């Protein structure tokens, strides 16, 4: 089993909360992680029809099977359980009594908010992080291979073909989960919508353009974006609010949580196509954003990354908000460092006056450099960034 960085925060949280919930996209390794970390607990998978029917028809009887608590997998499938879980943990007053997992923010968070507020800690588990692959000696040799394969665990655990796996993943999970949340009359239209989102990864979200390209209404596009966001398929990166006497862009950027899924949706079916694809830069940026998100979610922290763009065209790809400092990050998919790469760092200092806050440049090359304008990190050392 690949060691997951989220293990440490789980062991910490379970000492202070009666319920710990692990959420994230399907197939990100939630079940594997909790069964490994809490291997002394009983386990029930509510995707199993018999277990789900038992829990729905007799929730009290179902939970009575677990006098010492349990792992309840995909618990959002039986929302009625949450109030019973609340009653039990209030009576037992024991930390780490129930471990819950779930794949949809809508189902899981709504019920947690209503029934388990103050009793539960939540960890978001995304696909493998870059440093998890390094520690397991599974990191691909080139950035092109990494973008093509993505970072979902089954591709590495079972050495599966990414093209085949992402096709099955989309049909089995994304489309099925969507049917559970909303009524999609024409599935082919939704499939086209998801592909159009992939074509816009790393770009400002323009709902009107997206709706027009898919032949749907603005409100439908907005609803479907929310569903993809709730299912941990896409992430909307917000613009930072600092003005610096400039008019700011207030529209979020659309990113896929996993770059490999975006690559598959774009119809890229070979590693050799990555380097010449017109969206190579956006795909590389998607990968970097995903890694910065994992640095936070693996420690049960809220994301602290934004982008910054004003109306005159000045833009910083990522702003890391550390509370007392704003750290600019530029992302370049090229493999050769050029002076142009540092232009926005100089512009950032000019606009903000923040001379002491050195930036980070992440690029697809191999050199690690410390420059007067910032620190250069190659793609395979992204975990060195101080986020």
Protein backbone atom coordinates (compact mmCIF):
# COMPACT_ATOMS: atom_id res chain seq x y z
CA UNK A 1 0.00 0.00 0.00
CA UNK A 2 1.24 3.49 -0.88
CA UNK A 3 1.68 5.54 2.29
CA UNK A 4 -0.88 8.36 2.36
CA UNK A 5 0.10 11.68 3.88
CA UNK A 6 -3.39 12.10 5.35
CA UNK A 7 -2.75 9.22 7.76
CA UNK A 8 -1.08 11.45 10.35
CA UNK A 9 -3.93 13.96 10.54
CA UNK A 10 -6.45 11.12 10.80
CA UNK A 11 -4.61 9.66 13.79
CA UNK A 12 -4.57 13.11 15.37
CA UNK A 13 -8.24 13.91 14.77
CA UNK A 14 -9.49 10.55 15.97
CA UNK A 15 -8.13 11.37 19.43
CA UNK A 16 -10.30 14.46 19.73
CA UNK A 17 -13.55 13.81 17.85
CA UNK A 18 -16.14 11.05 18.25
CA UNK A 19 -16.68 11.02 14.46
CA UNK A 20 -14.12 11.49 11.69
CA UNK A 21 -15.34 11.76 8.09
CA UNK A 22 -13.15 11.17 5.06
CA UNK A 23 -14.56 12.53 1.82
CA UNK A 24 -13.23 13.04 -1.68
CA UNK A 25 -13.74 11.77 -5.22
CA UNK A 26 -14.54 8.14 -5.90
CA UNK A 27 -11.51 5.87 -6.25
CA UNK A 28 -9.21 8.27 -4.42
CA UNK A 29 -8.35 5.60 -1.84
CA UNK A 30 -10.67 6.56 1.03
CA UNK A 31 -11.75 3.01 1.90
CA UNK A 32 -8.23 1.63 1.62
CA UNK A 33 -6.87 4.37 3.86
CA UNK A 34 -9.42 4.13 6.67
CA UNK A 35 -9.34 0.32 6.73
CA UNK A 36 -5.55 0.47 7.01
CA UNK A 37 -5.45 3.18 9.68
CA UNK A 38 -8.38 1.83 11.72
CA UNK A 39 -7.90 -1.88 11.13
CA UNK A 40 -9.32 -2.76 14.55
CA UNK A 41 -12.78 -1.43 13.65
CA UNK A 42 -15.72 -3.25 12.11
CA UNK A 43 -16.43 -2.29 8.51
CA UNK A 44 -19.70 -1.79 6.63
CA UNK A 45 -19.95 -0.74 3.00
CA UNK A 46 -23.26 1.00 2.28
CA UNK A 47 -22.76 0.58 -1.46
CA UNK A 48 -23.61 -3.05 -0.76
CA UNK A 49 -27.33 -3.49 -1.46
CA UNK A 50 -28.05 -5.78 1.50
CA UNK A 51 -26.19 -3.59 3.97
CA UNK A 52 -27.90 -0.48 2.63
CA UNK A 53 -31.39 -2.00 2.81
CA UNK A 54 -30.74 -3.14 6.39
CA UNK A 55 -29.51 0.33 7.38
CA UNK A 56 -32.49 2.02 5.70
CA UNK A 57 -35.18 -0.25 7.12
CA UNK A 58 -33.75 -0.61 10.63
CA UNK A 59 -31.02 1.96 11.31
CA UNK A 60 -31.00 1.34 15.06
CA UNK A 61 -30.65 -2.41 14.57
CA UNK A 62 -27.99 -1.92 11.91
CA UNK A 63 -25.81 0.25 14.17
CA UNK A 64 -26.32 -2.07 17.15
CA UNK A 65 -24.07 -4.57 15.33
CA UNK A 66 -21.13 -2.32 16.16
CA UNK A 67 -20.88 -1.94 19.95
CA UNK A 68 -17.35 -0.56 19.61
CA UNK A 69 -18.06 1.71 16.68
CA UNK A 70 -17.30 1.08 13.01
CA UNK A 71 -16.17 2.32 9.63
CA UNK A 72 -19.27 3.24 7.63
CA UNK A 73 -18.25 3.47 3.96
CA UNK A 74 -20.21 5.67 1.50
CA UNK A 75 -22.46 6.68 4.35
CA UNK A 76 -24.22 9.40 2.32
CA UNK A 77 -26.20 6.57 0.69
CA UNK A 78 -28.26 6.27 3.93
CA UNK A 79 -28.85 9.79 5.28
CA UNK A 80 -31.19 8.52 8.01
CA UNK A 81 -28.18 7.03 9.83
CA UNK A 82 -26.74 10.40 10.84
CA UNK A 83 -29.25 11.20 13.57
CA UNK A 84 -28.73 7.72 15.08
CA UNK A 85 -24.97 8.15 14.92
CA UNK A 86 -25.40 11.45 16.78
CA UNK A 87 -27.40 9.78 19.54
CA UNK A 88 -24.87 6.99 19.95
CA UNK A 89 -21.75 9.19 20.12
CA UNK A 90 -23.49 11.56 22.56
CA UNK A 91 -24.16 8.61 24.82
CA UNK A 92 -20.77 6.91 24.45
CA UNK A 93 -18.65 10.05 24.62
CA UNK A 94 -15.69 8.17 23.13
CA UNK A 95 -13.26 9.67 20.60
CA UNK A 96 -12.93 8.00 17.22
CA UNK A 97 -16.10 5.94 17.63
CA UNK A 98 -17.31 6.16 14.03
CA UNK A 99 -15.24 6.65 10.89
CA UNK A 100 -17.35 7.78 7.93
CA UNK A 101 -16.48 8.01 4.25
CA UNK A 102 -18.41 9.61 1.43
CA UNK A 103 -17.88 10.71 -2.16
CA UNK A 104 -20.31 13.58 -2.58
CA UNK A 105 -20.09 16.85 -0.74
CA UNK A 106 -23.82 17.49 -1.13
CA UNK A 107 -24.97 14.31 0.58
CA UNK A 108 -22.27 14.09 3.19
CA UNK A 109 -21.84 17.74 4.21
CA UNK A 110 -25.53 18.55 4.40
CA UNK A 111 -26.19 15.70 6.82
CA UNK A 112 -23.06 16.36 8.84
CA UNK A 113 -24.04 20.01 9.20
CA UNK A 114 -27.53 19.12 10.35
CA UNK A 115 -26.80 16.16 12.63
CA UNK A 116 -23.15 16.02 13.63
CA UNK A 117 -22.06 19.64 13.99
CA UNK A 118 -19.38 19.91 16.66
CA UNK A 119 -18.92 16.15 16.80
CA UNK A 120 -17.15 15.49 13.51
CA UNK A 121 -13.83 16.37 11.89
CA UNK A 122 -13.54 16.13 8.13
CA UNK A 123 -10.58 15.23 5.91
CA UNK A 124 -10.70 15.52 2.11
CA UNK A 125 -8.67 12.77 0.44
CA UNK A 126 -7.73 13.53 -3.16
CA UNK A 127 -5.84 11.17 -5.51
CA UNK A 128 -2.16 10.46 -4.90
CA UNK A 129 0.07 13.46 -4.35
CA UNK A 130 3.39 13.94 -6.08
CA UNK A 131 5.45 13.17 -2.99
CA UNK A 132 3.38 10.07 -2.19
CA UNK A 133 4.35 8.70 -5.60
CA UNK A 134 8.00 9.62 -5.02
CA UNK A 135 8.07 7.84 -1.66
CA UNK A 136 6.53 4.76 -3.27
CA UNK A 137 9.01 4.97 -6.18
CA UNK A 138 6.09 5.24 -8.61
CA UNK A 139 6.60 8.76 -9.98
CA UNK A 140 6.65 8.78 -13.80
CA UNK A 141 9.95 9.72 -15.43
CA UNK A 142 8.65 12.71 -17.38
CA UNK A 143 6.05 15.44 -16.80
CA UNK A 144 4.28 14.33 -19.99
CA UNK A 145 3.81 10.82 -18.62
CA UNK A 146 2.55 12.20 -15.31
CA UNK A 147 0.00 14.47 -17.02
CA UNK A 148 -1.19 11.57 -19.17
CA UNK A 149 -1.54 9.10 -16.32
CA UNK A 150 -2.92 11.50 -13.73
CA UNK A 151 -2.73 10.49 -10.07
CA UNK A 152 -5.69 8.23 -9.31
CA UNK A 153 -4.53 5.27 -7.15
CA UNK A 154 -5.88 2.35 -9.26
CA UNK A 155 -3.69 3.38 -12.22
CA UNK A 156 -0.59 2.92 -10.05
CA UNK A 157 -1.74 0.18 -7.67
CA UNK A 158 -2.77 -2.11 -10.52
CA UNK A 159 -0.66 -0.73 -13.38
CA UNK A 160 -3.80 -0.04 -15.41
CA UNK A 161 -3.94 1.62 -18.81
CA UNK A 162 -5.02 5.24 -18.12
CA UNK A 163 -7.14 5.53 -21.26
CA UNK A 164 -9.18 2.45 -20.40
CA UNK A 165 -9.43 3.27 -16.71
CA UNK A 166 -10.61 6.88 -17.15
CA UNK A 167 -13.21 5.75 -19.69
CA UNK A 168 -14.63 3.23 -17.23
CA UNK A 169 -14.36 5.72 -14.36
CA UNK A 170 -16.39 8.31 -16.25
CA UNK A 171 -19.12 5.84 -17.18
CA UNK A 172 -19.24 4.05 -13.84
CA UNK A 173 -18.93 6.89 -11.37
CA UNK A 174 -19.29 10.37 -12.81
CA UNK A 175 -22.39 9.64 -14.89
CA UNK A 176 -23.94 7.37 -12.26
CA UNK A 177 -23.41 9.84 -9.45
CA UNK A 178 -24.90 12.63 -11.52
CA UNK A 179 -28.03 10.56 -12.11
CA UNK A 180 -28.39 10.15 -8.34
CA UNK A 181 -28.28 13.91 -7.75
CA UNK A 182 -30.14 15.40 -10.73
CA UNK A 183 -32.33 14.20 -13.54
CA UNK A 184 -30.30 14.45 -16.74
CA UNK A 185 -32.73 13.96 -19.64
CA UNK A 186 -30.04 13.70 -22.30
CA UNK A 187 -26.90 12.02 -20.97
CA UNK A 188 -24.99 12.75 -24.17
CA UNK A 189 -25.46 16.48 -23.57
CA UNK A 190 -24.01 16.12 -20.08
CA UNK A 191 -21.10 14.09 -21.45
CA UNK A 192 -20.42 16.88 -23.94
CA UNK A 193 -20.64 19.42 -21.11
CA UNK A 194 -17.96 17.61 -19.08
CA UNK A 195 -15.68 17.48 -22.12
CA UNK A 196 -16.20 21.19 -22.71
CA UNK A 197 -15.21 21.80 -19.11
CA UNK A 198 -11.98 19.86 -19.72
CA UNK A 199 -11.29 22.09 -22.72
CA UNK A 200 -11.51 25.06 -20.34
CA UNK A 201 -9.32 23.76 -17.50
CA UNK A 202 -7.04 26.53 -16.31
CA UNK A 203 -9.29 29.22 -17.80
CA UNK A 204 -11.73 31.75 -16.40
CA UNK A 205 -15.18 30.22 -15.99
CA UNK A 206 -17.54 31.69 -18.56
CA UNK A 207 -20.93 30.09 -17.93
CA UNK A 208 -22.62 31.81 -20.85
CA UNK A 209 -20.03 30.55 -23.33
CA UNK A 210 -20.10 27.07 -21.82
CA UNK A 211 -23.90 26.95 -21.97
CA UNK A 212 -23.98 28.15 -25.57
CA UNK A 213 -21.38 25.59 -26.68
CA UNK A 214 -23.42 22.79 -25.11
CA UNK A 215 -26.88 23.98 -26.14
CA UNK A 216 -28.16 24.33 -22.58
CA UNK A 217 -29.40 27.22 -20.46
CA UNK A 218 -27.17 29.37 -18.27
CA UNK A 219 -28.91 28.03 -15.15
CA UNK A 220 -28.40 24.41 -16.24
CA UNK A 221 -24.70 25.06 -16.81
CA UNK A 222 -24.47 26.66 -13.37
CA UNK A 223 -26.22 23.67 -11.79
CA UNK A 224 -24.02 21.13 -13.55
CA UNK A 225 -20.87 23.01 -12.55
CA UNK A 226 -22.05 22.78 -8.93
CA UNK A 227 -22.58 19.03 -9.29
CA UNK A 228 -19.09 18.48 -10.71
CA UNK A 229 -17.66 20.62 -7.95
CA UNK A 230 -19.56 18.69 -5.29
CA UNK A 231 -18.33 15.39 -6.73
CA UNK A 232 -14.68 16.52 -6.56
CA UNK A 233 -14.31 16.50 -10.34
CA UNK A 234 -13.62 20.22 -10.77
CA UNK A 235 -12.31 22.94 -8.50
CA UNK A 236 -13.10 26.63 -8.86
CA UNK A 237 -10.02 28.66 -7.98
CA UNK A 238 -11.09 32.03 -6.64
CA UNK A 239 -9.36 35.32 -7.46
CA UNK A 240 -7.55 36.95 -4.57
CA UNK A 241 -9.34 39.98 -3.20
CA UNK A 242 -6.32 42.30 -2.75
CA UNK A 243 -6.90 45.29 -5.02
CA UNK A 244 -3.61 47.27 -5.04
CA UNK A 245 -5.48 50.15 -6.70
CA UNK A 246 -6.36 48.04 -9.73
CA UNK A 247 -9.70 46.77 -11.00
CA UNK A 248 -9.68 43.05 -10.43
CA UNK A 249 -11.16 40.13 -12.31
CA UNK A 250 -13.74 38.53 -9.99
CA UNK A 251 -14.54 35.40 -12.01
CA UNK A 252 -13.08 32.09 -10.75
CA UNK A 253 -10.89 29.80 -12.80
CA UNK A 254 -11.99 26.26 -13.59
CA UNK A 255 -9.59 23.40 -12.85
CA UNK A 256 -9.94 19.64 -12.74
CA UNK A 257 -8.84 18.05 -9.49
CA UNK A 258 -7.01 15.38 -11.50
CA UNK A 259 -5.14 16.28 -14.66
CA UNK A 260 -5.31 12.73 -16.04
CA UNK A 261 -9.10 12.87 -16.19
CA UNK A 262 -8.94 16.19 -18.06
CA UNK A 263 -6.42 14.67 -20.49
CA UNK A 264 -8.74 11.72 -21.19
CA UNK A 265 -11.75 13.97 -21.68
CA UNK A 266 -9.78 15.98 -24.23
CA UNK A 267 -9.34 12.84 -26.29
CA UNK A 268 -5.56 12.63 -25.80
CA UNK A 269 -4.68 8.95 -26.16
CA UNK A 270 -0.88 8.94 -26.04
CA UNK A 271 1.95 10.47 -24.02
CA UNK A 272 3.55 11.81 -27.19
CA UNK A 273 0.51 14.03 -27.82
CA UNK A 274 0.97 15.95 -24.56
CA UNK A 275 4.04 17.96 -25.58
CA UNK A 276 2.42 19.29 -28.78
CA UNK A 277 -1.12 19.77 -27.47
CA UNK A 278 -2.37 23.39 -27.49
CA UNK A 279 -3.59 22.98 -23.90
CA UNK A 280 -0.29 21.66 -22.57
CA UNK A 281 0.23 24.83 -20.51
CA UNK A 282 -3.26 24.64 -18.99
CA UNK A 283 -2.84 20.93 -18.22
CA UNK A 284 0.50 21.54 -16.49
CA UNK A 285 -1.09 24.32 -14.47
CA UNK A 286 -3.96 21.96 -13.58
CA UNK A 287 -1.43 19.48 -12.20
CA UNK A 288 0.31 22.16 -10.09
CA UNK A 289 -2.96 23.52 -8.68
CA UNK A 290 -3.99 19.98 -7.73
CA UNK A 291 -0.73 19.43 -5.86
CA UNK A 292 -1.07 22.68 -3.92
CA UNK A 293 -4.59 21.69 -2.95
CA UNK A 294 -3.38 18.31 -1.67
CA UNK A 295 -0.78 20.00 0.51
CA UNK A 296 -3.69 21.51 2.44
CA UNK A 297 -6.35 18.80 2.28
CA UNK A 298 -3.91 16.12 3.48
CA UNK A 299 -3.59 18.16 6.68
CA UNK A 300 -7.34 18.87 7.02
CA UNK A 301 -6.76 22.54 6.15
CA UNK A 302 -8.81 24.78 3.90
CA UNK A 303 -7.17 25.74 0.59
CA UNK A 304 -5.11 28.93 0.76
CA UNK A 305 -4.43 29.39 -2.94
CA UNK A 306 -5.89 31.95 -5.31
CA UNK A 307 -4.99 33.60 -8.57
CA UNK A 308 -4.60 37.34 -9.14
CA UNK A 309 -5.52 39.20 -12.32
CA UNK A 310 -6.39 42.79 -12.96
CA UNK A 311 -8.37 44.31 -15.82
CA UNK A 312 -5.23 45.47 -17.59
CA UNK A 313 -4.00 41.90 -18.12
CA UNK A 314 -1.49 41.56 -15.30
CA UNK A 315 -1.79 38.09 -13.78
CA UNK A 316 -0.10 35.87 -11.21
CA UNK A 317 -0.95 32.20 -11.74
CA UNK A 318 -1.15 31.39 -8.03
CA UNK A 319 -1.14 33.48 -4.87
CA UNK A 320 -0.44 31.55 -1.68
CA UNK A 321 -2.08 33.46 1.16
CA UNK A 322 -0.09 32.70 4.31
CA UNK A 323 -1.99 35.20 6.42
CA UNK A 324 0.98 37.48 6.99
CA UNK A 325 2.32 37.27 3.44
CA UNK A 326 1.16 36.77 -0.14
CA UNK A 327 3.52 34.51 -2.07
CA UNK A 328 3.34 34.66 -5.89
CA UNK A 329 3.76 31.45 -7.90
CA UNK A 330 4.27 31.33 -11.65
CA UNK A 331 3.70 28.09 -13.59
CA UNK A 332 5.43 27.39 -16.92
CA UNK A 333 5.13 24.23 -18.98
CA UNK A 334 8.38 24.87 -20.86
CA UNK A 335 11.57 22.97 -20.07
CA UNK A 336 14.03 25.82 -20.60
CA UNK A 337 14.21 28.75 -18.18
CA UNK A 338 14.01 32.13 -19.90
CA UNK A 339 14.02 35.69 -18.60
CA UNK A 340 10.37 36.04 -19.63
CA UNK A 341 9.46 33.60 -16.87
CA UNK A 342 10.28 36.25 -14.25
CA UNK A 343 8.49 39.20 -15.83
CA UNK A 344 5.41 38.95 -13.62
CA UNK A 345 7.48 38.68 -10.44
CA UNK A 346 8.97 42.06 -11.24
CA UNK A 347 5.54 43.41 -12.15
CA UNK A 348 4.14 42.02 -8.88
CA UNK A 349 6.72 43.94 -6.86
CA UNK A 350 5.99 47.06 -8.88
CA UNK A 351 2.24 46.76 -8.27
CA UNK A 352 2.29 45.67 -4.63
CA UNK A 353 5.53 47.14 -3.32
CA UNK A 354 6.20 43.79 -1.59
CA UNK A 355 9.93 43.42 -2.23
CA UNK A 356 10.58 40.88 0.52
CA UNK A 357 8.10 38.24 -0.62
CA UNK A 358 10.06 36.13 -3.10
CA UNK A 359 8.09 34.10 -5.59
CA UNK A 360 8.25 30.51 -6.77
CA UNK A 361 8.56 29.42 -10.38
CA UNK A 362 7.43 25.87 -11.14
CA UNK A 363 8.32 24.61 -14.59
CA UNK A 364 8.55 21.35 -16.56
CA UNK A 365 12.34 21.30 -16.68
CA UNK A 366 14.93 19.67 -14.43
CA UNK A 367 16.93 22.45 -12.73
CA UNK A 368 16.51 23.81 -9.20
CA UNK A 369 17.76 27.38 -8.90
CA UNK A 370 17.74 30.22 -6.39
CA UNK A 371 17.52 33.55 -8.17
CA UNK A 372 17.15 37.13 -7.01
CA UNK A 373 13.63 37.16 -8.48
CA UNK A 374 12.50 33.89 -6.88
CA UNK A 375 13.11 30.18 -6.44
CA UNK A 376 12.89 27.88 -9.47
CA UNK A 377 11.49 24.41 -8.87
CA UNK A 378 11.40 21.62 -11.44
CA UNK A 379 8.18 19.65 -11.86
CA UNK A 380 9.50 16.72 -9.82
CA UNK A 381 10.32 18.86 -6.77
CA UNK A 382 7.03 20.64 -6.39
CA UNK A 383 6.72 19.34 -2.82
CA UNK A 384 9.58 21.70 -1.82
CA UNK A 385 7.33 24.72 -2.18
CA UNK A 386 6.55 26.50 1.09
CA UNK A 387 2.74 26.48 0.93
